[in-house]
Amino acid sequence: MEDKILELEERIAKLEKKEKRRKIFSIVKFVLYVVLIAAFTYGTYVVYNKVIETIEPYKEILDTYNEADSKIKSITDLFKK
């Protein structure tokens, strides 16, 4: 009977070690997922800002062109009447 009790205690100790490793592994996985999501979000933010920064001069040129185009149309409309 004592042999069975010792065997069960050893099995319990092994299972507790496995459970502890499993818990640590799950915490590490969770932290890695959080870090990956944060890195992806930050990377997206940086890329978005770079794209906006790159497009800004072209946007100004297009706005200037649209203003000039609308002024030309308003002048031509005066002559059509």
Protein backbone atom coordinates (compact mmCIF):
# COMPACT_ATOMS: atom_id res chain seq x y z
CA MET A 1 0.00 0.00 0.00
CA GLU A 2 2.83 2.39 0.80
CA ASP A 3 4.39 1.63 -2.58
CA LYS A 4 1.23 2.76 -4.34
CA ILE A 5 1.11 5.93 -2.28
CA LEU A 6 4.73 6.75 -3.16
CA GLU A 7 4.07 5.98 -6.82
CA LEU A 8 1.03 8.25 -6.81
CA GLU A 9 2.99 11.04 -5.13
CA GLU A 10 5.70 10.75 -7.80
CA ARG A 11 3.09 10.87 -10.55
CA ILE A 12 1.50 13.92 -8.94
CA ALA A 13 4.89 15.64 -8.79
CA LYS A 14 5.51 14.91 -12.49
CA LEU A 15 2.05 16.15 -13.43
CA GLU A 16 2.55 19.33 -11.41
CA LYS A 17 5.83 19.97 -13.26
CA LYS A 18 4.08 19.46 -16.60
CA GLU A 19 1.26 21.77 -15.58
CA LYS A 20 3.74 24.44 -14.48
CA ARG A 21 5.57 24.21 -17.84
CA ARG A 22 2.27 24.34 -19.71
CA LYS A 23 1.18 27.43 -17.78
CA ILE A 24 4.51 29.18 -18.43
CA PHE A 25 4.33 28.26 -22.11
CA SER A 26 0.80 29.65 -22.41
CA ILE A 27 1.86 32.91 -20.76
CA VAL A 28 4.83 33.21 -23.13
CA LYS A 29 2.57 32.58 -26.13
CA PHE A 30 0.13 35.23 -24.94
CA VAL A 31 2.92 37.78 -24.49
CA LEU A 32 4.29 36.97 -27.94
CA TYR A 33 0.86 37.45 -29.50
CA VAL A 34 0.48 40.81 -27.77
CA VAL A 35 3.94 41.89 -28.91
CA LEU A 36 3.23 40.80 -32.49
CA ILE A 37 -0.07 42.66 -32.56
CA ALA A 38 1.58 45.78 -31.13
CA ALA A 39 4.42 45.55 -33.67
CA PHE A 40 1.96 45.10 -36.54
CA THR A 41 -0.09 48.08 -35.36
CA TYR A 42 3.00 50.28 -34.99
CA GLY A 43 4.32 49.18 -38.38
CA THR A 44 1.01 49.98 -40.01
CA TYR A 45 1.02 53.41 -38.36
CA VAL A 46 4.56 54.15 -39.59
CA VAL A 47 3.79 53.00 -43.14
CA TYR A 48 0.58 55.07 -43.19
CA ASN A 49 2.47 58.19 -42.12
CA LYS A 50 5.17 57.59 -44.76
CA VAL A 51 2.54 57.18 -47.48
CA ILE A 52 0.70 60.33 -46.41
CA GLU A 53 4.00 62.21 -46.25
CA THR A 54 4.90 61.03 -49.76
CA ILE A 55 1.49 61.83 -51.25
CA GLU A 56 1.22 65.32 -49.72
CA PRO A 57 3.20 67.20 -52.44
CA TYR A 58 1.21 65.52 -55.20
CA LYS A 59 -2.01 66.33 -53.39
CA GLU A 60 -1.05 70.01 -53.28
CA ILE A 61 -0.30 69.97 -57.02
CA LEU A 62 -3.68 68.38 -57.74
CA ASP A 63 -5.47 70.91 -55.55
CA THR A 64 -3.74 73.75 -57.39
CA TYR A 65 -4.68 72.18 -60.72
CA ASN A 66 -8.31 71.76 -59.64
CA GLU A 67 -8.49 75.37 -58.48
CA ALA A 68 -7.05 76.59 -61.77
CA ASP A 69 -9.39 74.31 -63.72
CA SER A 70 -12.43 75.61 -61.86
CA LYS A 71 -11.34 79.22 -62.48
CA ILE A 72 -10.87 78.53 -66.18
CA LYS A 73 -14.33 76.94 -66.38
CA SER A 74 -15.91 79.92 -64.64
CA ILE A 75 -14.21 82.30 -67.10
CA THR A 76 -15.31 80.24 -70.12
CA ASP A 77 -18.85 80.16 -68.73
CA LEU A 78 -18.86 83.98 -68.76
CA PHE A 79 -18.05 84.02 -72.47
CA LYS A 80 -20.59 81.35 -73.38
CA LYS A 81 -23.52 83.45 -72.23
